[in-house]
Amino acid sequence: MGAGLEADEGVMATDFFWSYTDEPHASRRREILAKYPQIKELFGPDPWAYLKIAMVVSLQLWTATFLRDASWLKLLTVAYFFGSFLNHNLFLAIHELSHNLAFTSPSLNRWLGIFANLPIGVPMSITFQKYHLEHHRFQGVDGIDMDVPTLAEAHAVRNAISKSVWVVLQLFFYALRPLFVKPKPPGLWEFTNLAIQVALDASLVYFYGWKSLAYLILSTFVGGGMHPMAGHFISEHYIFNPHQETYSYYGPLNLMAWHVGYHNEHHDFPRIPGTRLHKVKEIAPEYYENLKSYRSWSQVIYMYIMDQTVGPFSRMKRKAPKKDS
């Protein structure tokens, strides 16, 4: 590990943490499988995923129509305390589907992802999958892992106020970062995602009015900002301990979050659905019990904002592998 670790006490780093070794998950995966081959029995889709997604999509779309005549204050209140949890649940369902964990067929997972995308209001399911799989294959690799903030973000966000603004808007940074740093040409699946989402949004406005659509967009926005569910964006890979780059969360919100809190376990075994990740820790506890973990995503957000040594630079990066000439 290199620059970034030697920041003066109480001072925010001026560079990322740099590692000159491979990401830790592939080697740990091989070691655990050699010792506990029965973990392979946990691989494979969650047979109830499609039903859970259908229930949340139906509930959220019904709520949007129910609130068509609500006041803006009521709309915002319901969006923050109710709809945000549903839409973030669907965002994390899309994360699960990006690993093909609902069906064995990749195309069926994509179709279900497009369906799960509907209450989110903005098409993102197909594009997310493209970038997210690179986050796993090239964790922290400069210019490839779009989960890592840009230099512009890191230089602009330097104190508690700017960090608070960044947290509120982090969903925008998360969504727009790839378009500026590593844009990928859209394909047929992206256009399908877009067409179906626009059709749903337009139908909602036509039959129920703008407030129904506004409720969905608000639920997405507030659920991805200063919100307990959004704590996972920070808790997963932001470095509060210089010797660890991935962190798990073992709190109650895992029940709403497809167990994405089991993040070390997830990166070690991305072919295991969230509902079974706790079994990895039960089978191989010695690999996880000594790692730093969290019990509260809200506390992680608070620590990120108030700890003056932590910011967007608090991420591990690696140099991109050199291409053969």
C-alpha atoms as a PDB file:
ATOM      1  CA  MET A   1       0.000   0.000   0.000  1.00  0.00           C
ATOM      2  CA  GLY A   2       1.226   3.455  -0.829  1.00  0.00           C
ATOM      3  CA  ALA A   3       0.302   7.129  -0.862  1.00  0.00           C
ATOM      4  CA  GLY A   4      -2.698   8.093   1.168  1.00  0.00           C
ATOM      5  CA  LEU A   5      -1.870   5.998   4.222  1.00  0.00           C
ATOM      6  CA  GLU A   6       0.585   8.462   5.622  1.00  0.00           C
ATOM      7  CA  ALA A   7      -1.797  11.400   6.152  1.00  0.00           C
ATOM      8  CA  ASP A   8      -1.140  13.429   9.270  1.00  0.00           C
ATOM      9  CA  GLU A   9      -3.425  12.640  12.161  1.00  0.00           C
ATOM     10  CA  GLY A  10      -6.598  14.716  11.958  1.00  0.00           C
ATOM     11  CA  VAL A  11      -5.965  15.780   8.342  1.00  0.00           C
ATOM     12  CA  MET A  12      -7.821  14.511   5.297  1.00  0.00           C
ATOM     13  CA  ALA A  13      -5.681  12.682   2.753  1.00  0.00           C
ATOM     14  CA  THR A  14      -4.805  14.371  -0.526  1.00  0.00           C
ATOM     15  CA  ASP A  15      -4.628  11.155  -2.511  1.00  0.00           C
ATOM     16  CA  PHE A  16      -6.315   7.787  -2.632  1.00  0.00           C
ATOM     17  CA  PHE A  17      -4.980   4.761  -0.819  1.00  0.00           C
ATOM     18  CA  TRP A  18      -2.915   2.842  -3.365  1.00  0.00           C
ATOM     19  CA  SER A  19      -2.418  -0.899  -3.266  1.00  0.00           C
ATOM     20  CA  TYR A  20       0.199  -2.769  -5.253  1.00  0.00           C
ATOM     21  CA  THR A  21      -1.309  -6.176  -4.560  1.00  0.00           C
ATOM     22  CA  ASP A  22      -4.361  -7.892  -6.035  1.00  0.00           C
ATOM     23  CA  GLU A  23      -7.780  -7.320  -4.477  1.00  0.00           C
ATOM     24  CA  PRO A  24      -8.260  -9.659  -1.491  1.00  0.00           C
ATOM     25  CA  HIS A  25     -11.398 -11.530  -2.501  1.00  0.00           C
ATOM     26  CA  ALA A  26     -10.199 -13.909  -5.213  1.00  0.00           C
ATOM     27  CA  SER A  27      -7.430 -15.366  -3.054  1.00  0.00           C
ATOM     28  CA  ARG A  28      -9.726 -15.643  -0.024  1.00  0.00           C
ATOM     29  CA  ARG A  29     -12.351 -17.355  -2.176  1.00  0.00           C
ATOM     30  CA  ARG A  30      -9.836 -19.998  -3.301  1.00  0.00           C
ATOM     31  CA  GLU A  31      -8.637 -20.535   0.250  1.00  0.00           C
ATOM     32  CA  ILE A  32     -12.141 -20.889   1.698  1.00  0.00           C
ATOM     33  CA  LEU A  33     -13.309 -23.248  -1.058  1.00  0.00           C
ATOM     34  CA  ALA A  34     -10.248 -25.434  -0.553  1.00  0.00           C
ATOM     35  CA  LYS A  35     -11.051 -25.694   3.154  1.00  0.00           C
ATOM     36  CA  TYR A  36     -14.876 -25.711   2.908  1.00  0.00           C
ATOM     37  CA  PRO A  37     -15.901 -27.091  -0.519  1.00  0.00           C
ATOM     38  CA  GLN A  38     -19.492 -27.439   0.720  1.00  0.00           C
ATOM     39  CA  ILE A  39     -19.884 -23.680   0.200  1.00  0.00           C
ATOM     40  CA  LYS A  40     -20.400 -24.441  -3.497  1.00  0.00           C
ATOM     41  CA  GLU A  41     -23.776 -25.884  -2.506  1.00  0.00           C
ATOM     42  CA  LEU A  42     -24.882 -22.313  -1.739  1.00  0.00           C
ATOM     43  CA  PHE A  43     -24.291 -21.186  -5.325  1.00  0.00           C
ATOM     44  CA  GLY A  44     -27.261 -20.555  -7.576  1.00  0.00           C
ATOM     45  CA  PRO A  45     -30.418 -18.440  -7.878  1.00  0.00           C
ATOM     46  CA  ASP A  46     -32.834 -17.464  -5.133  1.00  0.00           C
ATOM     47  CA  PRO A  47     -36.084 -19.181  -6.212  1.00  0.00           C
ATOM     48  CA  TRP A  48     -38.213 -16.559  -4.439  1.00  0.00           C
ATOM     49  CA  ALA A  49     -36.503 -13.494  -5.897  1.00  0.00           C
ATOM     50  CA  TYR A  50     -39.055 -12.847  -8.651  1.00  0.00           C
ATOM     51  CA  LEU A  51     -41.945 -13.053  -6.177  1.00  0.00           C
ATOM     52  CA  LYS A  52     -40.326 -10.647  -3.705  1.00  0.00           C
ATOM     53  CA  ILE A  53     -39.608  -8.190  -6.509  1.00  0.00           C
ATOM     54  CA  ALA A  54     -43.163  -8.434  -7.863  1.00  0.00           C
ATOM     55  CA  MET A  55     -44.612  -7.674  -4.420  1.00  0.00           C
ATOM     56  CA  VAL A  56     -42.453  -4.569  -3.911  1.00  0.00           C
ATOM     57  CA  VAL A  57     -43.058  -3.271  -7.444  1.00  0.00           C
ATOM     58  CA  SER A  58     -46.825  -3.740  -7.050  1.00  0.00           C
ATOM     59  CA  LEU A  59     -46.924  -2.065  -3.642  1.00  0.00           C
ATOM     60  CA  GLN A  60     -44.862   0.919  -4.757  1.00  0.00           C
ATOM     61  CA  LEU A  61     -46.814   1.511  -7.966  1.00  0.00           C
ATOM     62  CA  TRP A  62     -50.094   1.250  -6.059  1.00  0.00           C
ATOM     63  CA  THR A  63     -48.795   3.753  -3.495  1.00  0.00           C
ATOM     64  CA  ALA A  64     -47.899   6.153  -6.299  1.00  0.00           C
ATOM     65  CA  THR A  65     -51.444   6.041  -7.669  1.00  0.00           C
ATOM     66  CA  PHE A  66     -52.925   6.354  -4.176  1.00  0.00           C
ATOM     67  CA  LEU A  67     -50.958   9.587  -3.584  1.00  0.00           C
ATOM     68  CA  ARG A  68     -52.010  11.237  -6.863  1.00  0.00           C
ATOM     69  CA  ASP A  69     -53.910  14.013  -5.043  1.00  0.00           C
ATOM     70  CA  ALA A  70     -51.687  14.268  -1.949  1.00  0.00           C
ATOM     71  CA  SER A  71     -50.072  17.523  -0.836  1.00  0.00           C
ATOM     72  CA  TRP A  72     -46.380  17.973  -1.622  1.00  0.00           C
ATOM     73  CA  LEU A  73     -45.537  17.746   2.089  1.00  0.00           C
ATOM     74  CA  LYS A  74     -47.379  14.436   2.404  1.00  0.00           C
ATOM     75  CA  LEU A  75     -45.751  13.221  -0.807  1.00  0.00           C
ATOM     76  CA  LEU A  76     -42.263  14.014   0.499  1.00  0.00           C
ATOM     77  CA  THR A  77     -42.987  12.534   3.939  1.00  0.00           C
ATOM     78  CA  VAL A  78     -44.305   9.249   2.561  1.00  0.00           C
ATOM     79  CA  ALA A  79     -41.461   9.130   0.053  1.00  0.00           C
ATOM     80  CA  TYR A  80     -38.803   9.500   2.771  1.00  0.00           C
ATOM     81  CA  PHE A  81     -40.265   7.226   5.441  1.00  0.00           C
ATOM     82  CA  PHE A  82     -41.829   4.576   3.192  1.00  0.00           C
ATOM     83  CA  GLY A  83     -41.219   4.763  -0.544  1.00  0.00           C
ATOM     84  CA  SER A  84     -37.470   5.258  -0.140  1.00  0.00           C
ATOM     85  CA  PHE A  85     -37.147   1.849   1.516  1.00  0.00           C
ATOM     86  CA  LEU A  86     -39.093   0.181  -1.301  1.00  0.00           C
ATOM     87  CA  ASN A  87     -37.156   1.846  -4.112  1.00  0.00           C
ATOM     88  CA  HIS A  88     -33.810   1.180  -2.479  1.00  0.00           C
ATOM     89  CA  ASN A  89     -34.907  -2.413  -2.016  1.00  0.00           C
ATOM     90  CA  LEU A  90     -35.523  -2.559  -5.770  1.00  0.00           C
ATOM     91  CA  PHE A  91     -32.169  -0.947  -6.516  1.00  0.00           C
ATOM     92  CA  LEU A  92     -30.514  -3.705  -4.496  1.00  0.00           C
ATOM     93  CA  ALA A  93     -32.718  -6.299  -6.194  1.00  0.00           C
ATOM     94  CA  ILE A  94     -31.258  -5.038  -9.478  1.00  0.00           C
ATOM     95  CA  HIS A  95     -27.818  -5.477  -7.919  1.00  0.00           C
ATOM     96  CA  GLU A  96     -28.748  -9.082  -7.138  1.00  0.00           C
ATOM     97  CA  LEU A  97     -30.018  -9.602 -10.676  1.00  0.00           C
ATOM     98  CA  SER A  98     -26.793  -8.232 -12.148  1.00  0.00           C
ATOM     99  CA  HIS A  99     -25.207 -11.406 -10.760  1.00  0.00           C
ATOM    100  CA  ASN A 100     -27.928 -13.588 -12.342  1.00  0.00           C
ATOM    101  CA  LEU A 101     -29.270 -14.629  -8.947  1.00  0.00           C
ATOM    102  CA  ALA A 102     -32.980 -14.925  -9.769  1.00  0.00           C
ATOM    103  CA  PHE A 103     -32.758 -17.244 -12.792  1.00  0.00           C
ATOM    104  CA  THR A 104     -30.048 -19.284 -14.444  1.00  0.00           C
ATOM    105  CA  SER A 105     -30.785 -17.491 -17.737  1.00  0.00           C
ATOM    106  CA  PRO A 106     -29.030 -14.091 -18.004  1.00  0.00           C
ATOM    107  CA  SER A 107     -31.777 -12.750 -20.294  1.00  0.00           C
ATOM    108  CA  LEU A 108     -34.500 -13.605 -17.769  1.00  0.00           C
ATOM    109  CA  ASN A 109     -32.545 -11.765 -15.075  1.00  0.00           C
ATOM    110  CA  ARG A 110     -32.314  -8.733 -17.372  1.00  0.00           C
ATOM    111  CA  TRP A 111     -36.046  -8.766 -18.042  1.00  0.00           C
ATOM    112  CA  LEU A 112     -36.755  -9.016 -14.316  1.00  0.00           C
ATOM    113  CA  GLY A 113     -34.305  -6.168 -13.739  1.00  0.00           C
ATOM    114  CA  ILE A 114     -36.219  -3.979 -16.199  1.00  0.00           C
ATOM    115  CA  PHE A 115     -39.415  -4.848 -14.323  1.00  0.00           C
ATOM    116  CA  ALA A 116     -37.799  -4.082 -10.939  1.00  0.00           C
ATOM    117  CA  ASN A 117     -36.633  -0.770 -12.415  1.00  0.00           C
ATOM    118  CA  LEU A 118     -40.190   0.501 -13.031  1.00  0.00           C
ATOM    119  CA  PRO A 119     -40.894   2.241  -9.661  1.00  0.00           C
ATOM    120  CA  ILE A 120     -37.394   3.768  -9.643  1.00  0.00           C
ATOM    121  CA  GLY A 121     -38.605   6.076 -12.400  1.00  0.00           C
ATOM    122  CA  VAL A 122     -35.286   6.352 -14.265  1.00  0.00           C
ATOM    123  CA  PRO A 123     -33.893   3.569 -16.473  1.00  0.00           C
ATOM    124  CA  MET A 124     -30.715   2.170 -14.932  1.00  0.00           C
ATOM    125  CA  SER A 125     -30.953  -1.598 -14.595  1.00  0.00           C
ATOM    126  CA  ILE A 126     -29.077  -2.693 -17.727  1.00  0.00           C
ATOM    127  CA  THR A 127     -26.407   0.009 -17.495  1.00  0.00           C
ATOM    128  CA  PHE A 128     -25.821  -0.753 -13.823  1.00  0.00           C
ATOM    129  CA  GLN A 129     -25.065  -4.388 -14.612  1.00  0.00           C
ATOM    130  CA  LYS A 130     -22.388  -3.467 -17.150  1.00  0.00           C
ATOM    131  CA  TYR A 131     -20.459  -1.315 -14.710  1.00  0.00           C
ATOM    132  CA  HIS A 132     -21.101  -3.341 -11.582  1.00  0.00           C
ATOM    133  CA  LEU A 133     -19.552  -6.532 -12.900  1.00  0.00           C
ATOM    134  CA  GLU A 134     -16.383  -4.542 -13.630  1.00  0.00           C
ATOM    135  CA  HIS A 135     -16.410  -3.343 -10.015  1.00  0.00           C
ATOM    136  CA  HIS A 136     -16.080  -6.993  -8.991  1.00  0.00           C
ATOM    137  CA  ARG A 137     -13.522  -8.029 -11.596  1.00  0.00           C
ATOM    138  CA  PHE A 138     -11.390  -4.891 -11.239  1.00  0.00           C
ATOM    139  CA  GLN A 139     -12.000  -3.704  -7.676  1.00  0.00           C
ATOM    140  CA  GLY A 140     -10.364  -0.326  -7.170  1.00  0.00           C
ATOM    141  CA  VAL A 141      -8.615  -0.354 -10.566  1.00  0.00           C
ATOM    142  CA  ASP A 142      -8.011   3.193 -11.753  1.00  0.00           C
ATOM    143  CA  GLY A 143     -10.284   4.171 -14.641  1.00  0.00           C
ATOM    144  CA  ILE A 144     -12.251   0.894 -14.577  1.00  0.00           C
ATOM    145  CA  ASP A 145     -13.994   0.615 -11.197  1.00  0.00           C
ATOM    146  CA  MET A 146     -16.673   3.299 -11.404  1.00  0.00           C
ATOM    147  CA  ASP A 147     -17.590   2.794  -7.754  1.00  0.00           C
ATOM    148  CA  VAL A 148     -14.552   4.919  -6.821  1.00  0.00           C
ATOM    149  CA  PRO A 149     -15.044   8.724  -6.729  1.00  0.00           C
ATOM    150  CA  THR A 150     -13.305  10.884  -9.299  1.00  0.00           C
ATOM    151  CA  LEU A 151     -10.438  13.230  -8.501  1.00  0.00           C
ATOM    152  CA  ALA A 152     -12.795  16.171  -9.052  1.00  0.00           C
ATOM    153  CA  GLU A 153     -15.173  14.855  -6.371  1.00  0.00           C
ATOM    154  CA  ALA A 154     -12.326  14.172  -3.961  1.00  0.00           C
ATOM    155  CA  HIS A 155     -10.803  17.638  -4.359  1.00  0.00           C
ATOM    156  CA  ALA A 156     -14.179  19.392  -4.021  1.00  0.00           C
ATOM    157  CA  VAL A 157     -15.422  17.472  -0.963  1.00  0.00           C
ATOM    158  CA  ARG A 158     -13.096  18.461   1.873  1.00  0.00           C
ATOM    159  CA  ASN A 159     -15.183  19.278   4.971  1.00  0.00           C
ATOM    160  CA  ALA A 160     -18.357  18.324   6.827  1.00  0.00           C
ATOM    161  CA  ILE A 161     -20.566  20.712   4.822  1.00  0.00           C
ATOM    162  CA  SER A 162     -19.380  19.568   1.400  1.00  0.00           C
ATOM    163  CA  LYS A 163     -19.475  15.938   2.545  1.00  0.00           C
ATOM    164  CA  SER A 164     -23.097  16.422   3.649  1.00  0.00           C
ATOM    165  CA  VAL A 165     -23.999  17.827   0.229  1.00  0.00           C
ATOM    166  CA  TRP A 166     -22.128  14.962  -1.437  1.00  0.00           C
ATOM    167  CA  VAL A 167     -24.046  12.393   0.625  1.00  0.00           C
ATOM    168  CA  VAL A 168     -27.396  13.988  -0.268  1.00  0.00           C
ATOM    169  CA  LEU A 169     -26.451  13.934  -3.968  1.00  0.00           C
ATOM    170  CA  GLN A 170     -24.401  10.720  -3.979  1.00  0.00           C
ATOM    171  CA  LEU A 171     -26.936   8.915  -6.155  1.00  0.00           C
ATOM    172  CA  PHE A 172     -26.299  11.485  -8.899  1.00  0.00           C
ATOM    173  CA  PHE A 173     -22.529  11.058  -8.579  1.00  0.00           C
ATOM    174  CA  TYR A 174     -22.975   7.283  -8.593  1.00  0.00           C
ATOM    175  CA  ALA A 175     -25.124   7.408 -11.740  1.00  0.00           C
ATOM    176  CA  LEU A 176     -23.290  10.114 -13.703  1.00  0.00           C
ATOM    177  CA  ARG A 177     -19.681   9.196 -12.863  1.00  0.00           C
ATOM    178  CA  PRO A 178     -19.466   6.392 -15.472  1.00  0.00           C
ATOM    179  CA  LEU A 179     -20.884   8.634 -18.205  1.00  0.00           C
ATOM    180  CA  PHE A 180     -18.016  11.087 -17.756  1.00  0.00           C
ATOM    181  CA  VAL A 181     -15.165   8.723 -16.914  1.00  0.00           C
ATOM    182  CA  LYS A 182     -15.869   5.553 -18.893  1.00  0.00           C
ATOM    183  CA  PRO A 183     -18.920   5.879 -21.148  1.00  0.00           C
ATOM    184  CA  LYS A 184     -20.125   2.696 -22.808  1.00  0.00           C
ATOM    185  CA  PRO A 185     -22.184   2.723 -26.012  1.00  0.00           C
ATOM    186  CA  PRO A 186     -25.801   1.710 -25.330  1.00  0.00           C
ATOM    187  CA  GLY A 187     -27.130  -1.444 -26.929  1.00  0.00           C
ATOM    188  CA  LEU A 188     -30.499  -3.019 -27.582  1.00  0.00           C
ATOM    189  CA  TRP A 189     -31.017  -3.917 -23.924  1.00  0.00           C
ATOM    190  CA  GLU A 190     -30.442  -0.306 -22.819  1.00  0.00           C
ATOM    191  CA  PHE A 191     -32.925   0.995 -25.375  1.00  0.00           C
ATOM    192  CA  THR A 192     -35.436  -1.630 -24.263  1.00  0.00           C
ATOM    193  CA  ASN A 193     -34.951  -0.555 -20.635  1.00  0.00           C
ATOM    194  CA  LEU A 194     -35.427   3.084 -21.676  1.00  0.00           C
ATOM    195  CA  ALA A 195     -38.534   2.456 -23.801  1.00  0.00           C
ATOM    196  CA  ILE A 196     -40.331   0.414 -21.160  1.00  0.00           C
ATOM    197  CA  GLN A 197     -39.466   2.910 -18.408  1.00  0.00           C
ATOM    198  CA  VAL A 198     -40.642   5.905 -20.466  1.00  0.00           C
ATOM    199  CA  ALA A 199     -43.860   4.047 -21.294  1.00  0.00           C
ATOM    200  CA  LEU A 200     -44.535   3.387 -17.602  1.00  0.00           C
ATOM    201  CA  ASP A 201     -43.704   6.964 -16.576  1.00  0.00           C
ATOM    202  CA  ALA A 202     -45.863   8.445 -19.346  1.00  0.00           C
ATOM    203  CA  SER A 203     -48.772   6.140 -18.518  1.00  0.00           C
ATOM    204  CA  LEU A 204     -48.560   7.075 -14.860  1.00  0.00           C
ATOM    205  CA  VAL A 205     -48.667  10.792 -15.683  1.00  0.00           C
ATOM    206  CA  TYR A 206     -51.459  10.346 -18.230  1.00  0.00           C
ATOM    207  CA  PHE A 207     -53.765   8.310 -16.004  1.00  0.00           C
ATOM    208  CA  TYR A 208     -52.873   9.591 -12.518  1.00  0.00           C
ATOM    209  CA  GLY A 209     -51.011  12.889 -12.895  1.00  0.00           C
ATOM    210  CA  TRP A 210     -47.530  14.254 -12.246  1.00  0.00           C
ATOM    211  CA  LYS A 211     -47.611  13.728  -8.492  1.00  0.00           C
ATOM    212  CA  SER A 212     -47.673   9.957  -8.861  1.00  0.00           C
ATOM    213  CA  LEU A 213     -44.490  10.069 -10.912  1.00  0.00           C
ATOM    214  CA  ALA A 214     -42.998  12.681  -8.574  1.00  0.00           C
ATOM    215  CA  TYR A 215     -43.549  10.317  -5.637  1.00  0.00           C
ATOM    216  CA  LEU A 216     -41.506   7.603  -7.365  1.00  0.00           C
ATOM    217  CA  ILE A 217     -38.675   9.971  -8.296  1.00  0.00           C
ATOM    218  CA  LEU A 218     -38.618  11.438  -4.783  1.00  0.00           C
ATOM    219  CA  SER A 219     -38.528   7.952  -3.270  1.00  0.00           C
ATOM    220  CA  THR A 220     -35.482   7.143  -5.388  1.00  0.00           C
ATOM    221  CA  PHE A 221     -33.711  10.432  -4.679  1.00  0.00           C
ATOM    222  CA  VAL A 222     -34.194  10.628  -0.904  1.00  0.00           C
ATOM    223  CA  GLY A 223     -33.546   6.896  -0.513  1.00  0.00           C
ATOM    224  CA  GLY A 224     -30.153   7.308  -2.118  1.00  0.00           C
ATOM    225  CA  GLY A 225     -29.022  10.306  -0.090  1.00  0.00           C
ATOM    226  CA  MET A 226     -29.102  11.168   3.611  1.00  0.00           C
ATOM    227  CA  HIS A 227     -30.987   7.993   4.408  1.00  0.00           C
ATOM    228  CA  PRO A 228     -30.207   4.872   6.481  1.00  0.00           C
ATOM    229  CA  MET A 229     -30.479   2.563   3.467  1.00  0.00           C
ATOM    230  CA  ALA A 230     -27.931   4.625   1.529  1.00  0.00           C
ATOM    231  CA  GLY A 231     -25.328   4.030   4.212  1.00  0.00           C
ATOM    232  CA  HIS A 232     -24.247   0.921   2.346  1.00  0.00           C
ATOM    233  CA  PHE A 233     -22.763   3.074  -0.438  1.00  0.00           C
ATOM    234  CA  ILE A 234     -20.200   4.309   2.096  1.00  0.00           C
ATOM    235  CA  SER A 235     -19.895   1.315   4.399  1.00  0.00           C
ATOM    236  CA  GLU A 236     -18.927  -1.170   1.672  1.00  0.00           C
ATOM    237  CA  HIS A 237     -15.543   0.173   0.561  1.00  0.00           C
ATOM    238  CA  TYR A 238     -14.725   3.517   2.198  1.00  0.00           C
ATOM    239  CA  ILE A 239     -11.626   3.027   4.305  1.00  0.00           C
ATOM    240  CA  PHE A 240     -11.917   3.721   8.014  1.00  0.00           C
ATOM    241  CA  ASN A 241      -9.220   1.116   8.724  1.00  0.00           C
ATOM    242  CA  PRO A 242      -6.097   1.441   6.512  1.00  0.00           C
ATOM    243  CA  HIS A 243      -5.623  -2.321   6.344  1.00  0.00           C
ATOM    244  CA  GLN A 244      -9.104  -3.242   5.080  1.00  0.00           C
ATOM    245  CA  GLU A 245     -10.867  -2.220   1.867  1.00  0.00           C
ATOM    246  CA  THR A 246     -14.209  -4.056   2.062  1.00  0.00           C
ATOM    247  CA  TYR A 247     -16.536  -3.982   5.078  1.00  0.00           C
ATOM    248  CA  SER A 248     -19.634  -5.942   6.018  1.00  0.00           C
ATOM    249  CA  TYR A 249     -22.714  -4.690   7.830  1.00  0.00           C
ATOM    250  CA  TYR A 250     -24.599  -7.090  10.106  1.00  0.00           C
ATOM    251  CA  GLY A 251     -27.572  -4.958  11.101  1.00  0.00           C
ATOM    252  CA  PRO A 252     -31.360  -5.317  10.702  1.00  0.00           C
ATOM    253  CA  LEU A 253     -31.647  -3.376   7.437  1.00  0.00           C
ATOM    254  CA  ASN A 254     -30.171  -6.380   5.647  1.00  0.00           C
ATOM    255  CA  LEU A 255     -33.716  -7.742   5.663  1.00  0.00           C
ATOM    256  CA  MET A 256     -34.775  -4.850   3.403  1.00  0.00           C
ATOM    257  CA  ALA A 257     -31.520  -4.742   1.445  1.00  0.00           C
ATOM    258  CA  TRP A 258     -31.183  -8.230  -0.032  1.00  0.00           C
ATOM    259  CA  HIS A 259     -28.470  -8.824   2.601  1.00  0.00           C
ATOM    260  CA  VAL A 260     -26.020  -6.672   0.657  1.00  0.00           C
ATOM    261  CA  GLY A 261     -24.528  -5.809   4.046  1.00  0.00           C
ATOM    262  CA  TYR A 262     -22.700  -9.134   3.943  1.00  0.00           C
ATOM    263  CA  HIS A 263     -20.329  -7.395   1.602  1.00  0.00           C
ATOM    264  CA  ASN A 264     -17.082  -9.214   2.237  1.00  0.00           C
ATOM    265  CA  GLU A 265     -18.997 -12.435   1.827  1.00  0.00           C
ATOM    266  CA  HIS A 266     -20.628 -11.104  -1.351  1.00  0.00           C
ATOM    267  CA  HIS A 267     -17.336 -10.118  -2.971  1.00  0.00           C
ATOM    268  CA  ASP A 268     -15.815 -13.434  -1.965  1.00  0.00           C
ATOM    269  CA  PHE A 269     -18.769 -15.350  -3.434  1.00  0.00           C
ATOM    270  CA  PRO A 270     -20.816 -13.240  -5.886  1.00  0.00           C
ATOM    271  CA  ARG A 271     -22.586 -16.373  -7.128  1.00  0.00           C
ATOM    272  CA  ILE A 272     -24.326 -16.829  -3.766  1.00  0.00           C
ATOM    273  CA  PRO A 273     -27.643 -14.942  -3.360  1.00  0.00           C
ATOM    274  CA  GLY A 274     -28.043 -12.559  -0.445  1.00  0.00           C
ATOM    275  CA  THR A 275     -30.402 -14.861   1.419  1.00  0.00           C
ATOM    276  CA  ARG A 276     -27.601 -17.425   1.803  1.00  0.00           C
ATOM    277  CA  LEU A 277     -24.609 -15.167   2.450  1.00  0.00           C
ATOM    278  CA  HIS A 278     -24.963 -15.481   6.215  1.00  0.00           C
ATOM    279  CA  LYS A 279     -24.213 -19.192   5.816  1.00  0.00           C
ATOM    280  CA  VAL A 280     -20.777 -18.350   4.409  1.00  0.00           C
ATOM    281  CA  LYS A 281     -19.911 -16.599   7.658  1.00  0.00           C
ATOM    282  CA  GLU A 282     -21.349 -19.498   9.651  1.00  0.00           C
ATOM    283  CA  ILE A 283     -19.330 -22.093   7.728  1.00  0.00           C
ATOM    284  CA  ALA A 284     -16.057 -20.136   7.651  1.00  0.00           C
ATOM    285  CA  PRO A 285     -16.243 -17.759  10.645  1.00  0.00           C
ATOM    286  CA  GLU A 286     -12.467 -17.475  11.075  1.00  0.00           C
ATOM    287  CA  TYR A 287     -12.235 -15.571   7.782  1.00  0.00           C
ATOM    288  CA  TYR A 288     -14.725 -12.872   8.790  1.00  0.00           C
ATOM    289  CA  GLU A 289     -14.888 -12.489  12.562  1.00  0.00           C
ATOM    290  CA  ASN A 290     -11.616 -10.566  12.749  1.00  0.00           C
ATOM    291  CA  LEU A 291     -12.610  -8.111  10.021  1.00  0.00           C
ATOM    292  CA  LYS A 292     -14.009  -4.737  10.998  1.00  0.00           C
ATOM    293  CA  SER A 293     -17.760  -4.563  10.377  1.00  0.00           C
ATOM    294  CA  TYR A 294     -20.715  -2.297  11.100  1.00  0.00           C
ATOM    295  CA  ARG A 295     -24.051  -2.572  12.877  1.00  0.00           C
ATOM    296  CA  SER A 296     -25.552   0.742  11.746  1.00  0.00           C
ATOM    297  CA  TRP A 297     -25.562   2.340   8.311  1.00  0.00           C
ATOM    298  CA  SER A 298     -26.762   5.623   9.829  1.00  0.00           C
ATOM    299  CA  GLN A 299     -23.707   5.636  12.080  1.00  0.00           C
ATOM    300  CA  VAL A 300     -21.470   5.079   9.047  1.00  0.00           C
ATOM    301  CA  ILE A 301     -22.941   8.161   7.342  1.00  0.00           C
ATOM    302  CA  TYR A 302     -22.416  10.195  10.531  1.00  0.00           C
ATOM    303  CA  MET A 303     -18.802   9.012  10.865  1.00  0.00           C
ATOM    304  CA  TYR A 304     -18.099   9.770   7.218  1.00  0.00           C
ATOM    305  CA  ILE A 305     -19.364  13.336   7.553  1.00  0.00           C
ATOM    306  CA  MET A 306     -17.879  14.161  10.947  1.00  0.00           C
ATOM    307  CA  ASP A 307     -14.502  12.406  10.734  1.00  0.00           C
ATOM    308  CA  GLN A 308     -12.255  15.063   9.239  1.00  0.00           C
ATOM    309  CA  THR A 309      -9.750  12.459   8.035  1.00  0.00           C
ATOM    310  CA  VAL A 310     -12.324  10.616   5.880  1.00  0.00           C
ATOM    311  CA  GLY A 311     -13.673  11.675   2.491  1.00  0.00           C
ATOM    312  CA  PRO A 312     -13.880  10.620  -1.163  1.00  0.00           C
ATOM    313  CA  PHE A 313     -10.117   9.977  -1.131  1.00  0.00           C
ATOM    314  CA  SER A 314     -10.753   7.230   1.441  1.00  0.00           C
ATOM    315  CA  ARG A 315     -10.840   4.499  -1.180  1.00  0.00           C
ATOM    316  CA  MET A 316      -8.330   1.866  -2.234  1.00  0.00           C
ATOM    317  CA  LYS A 317      -7.098   2.132  -5.810  1.00  0.00           C
ATOM    318  CA  ARG A 318      -4.886   0.033  -8.057  1.00  0.00           C
ATOM    319  CA  LYS A 319      -3.066   0.852 -11.256  1.00  0.00           C
ATOM    320  CA  ALA A 320      -4.719  -0.470 -14.389  1.00  0.00           C
ATOM    321  CA  PRO A 321      -2.977  -3.557 -15.763  1.00  0.00           C
ATOM    322  CA  LYS A 322      -0.695  -2.805 -18.694  1.00  0.00           C
ATOM    323  CA  LYS A 323      -1.976  -4.010 -22.026  1.00  0.00           C
ATOM    324  CA  ASP A 324       0.268  -6.273 -24.034  1.00  0.00           C
ATOM    325  CA  SER A 325       1.735  -4.388 -26.960  1.00  0.00           C
END
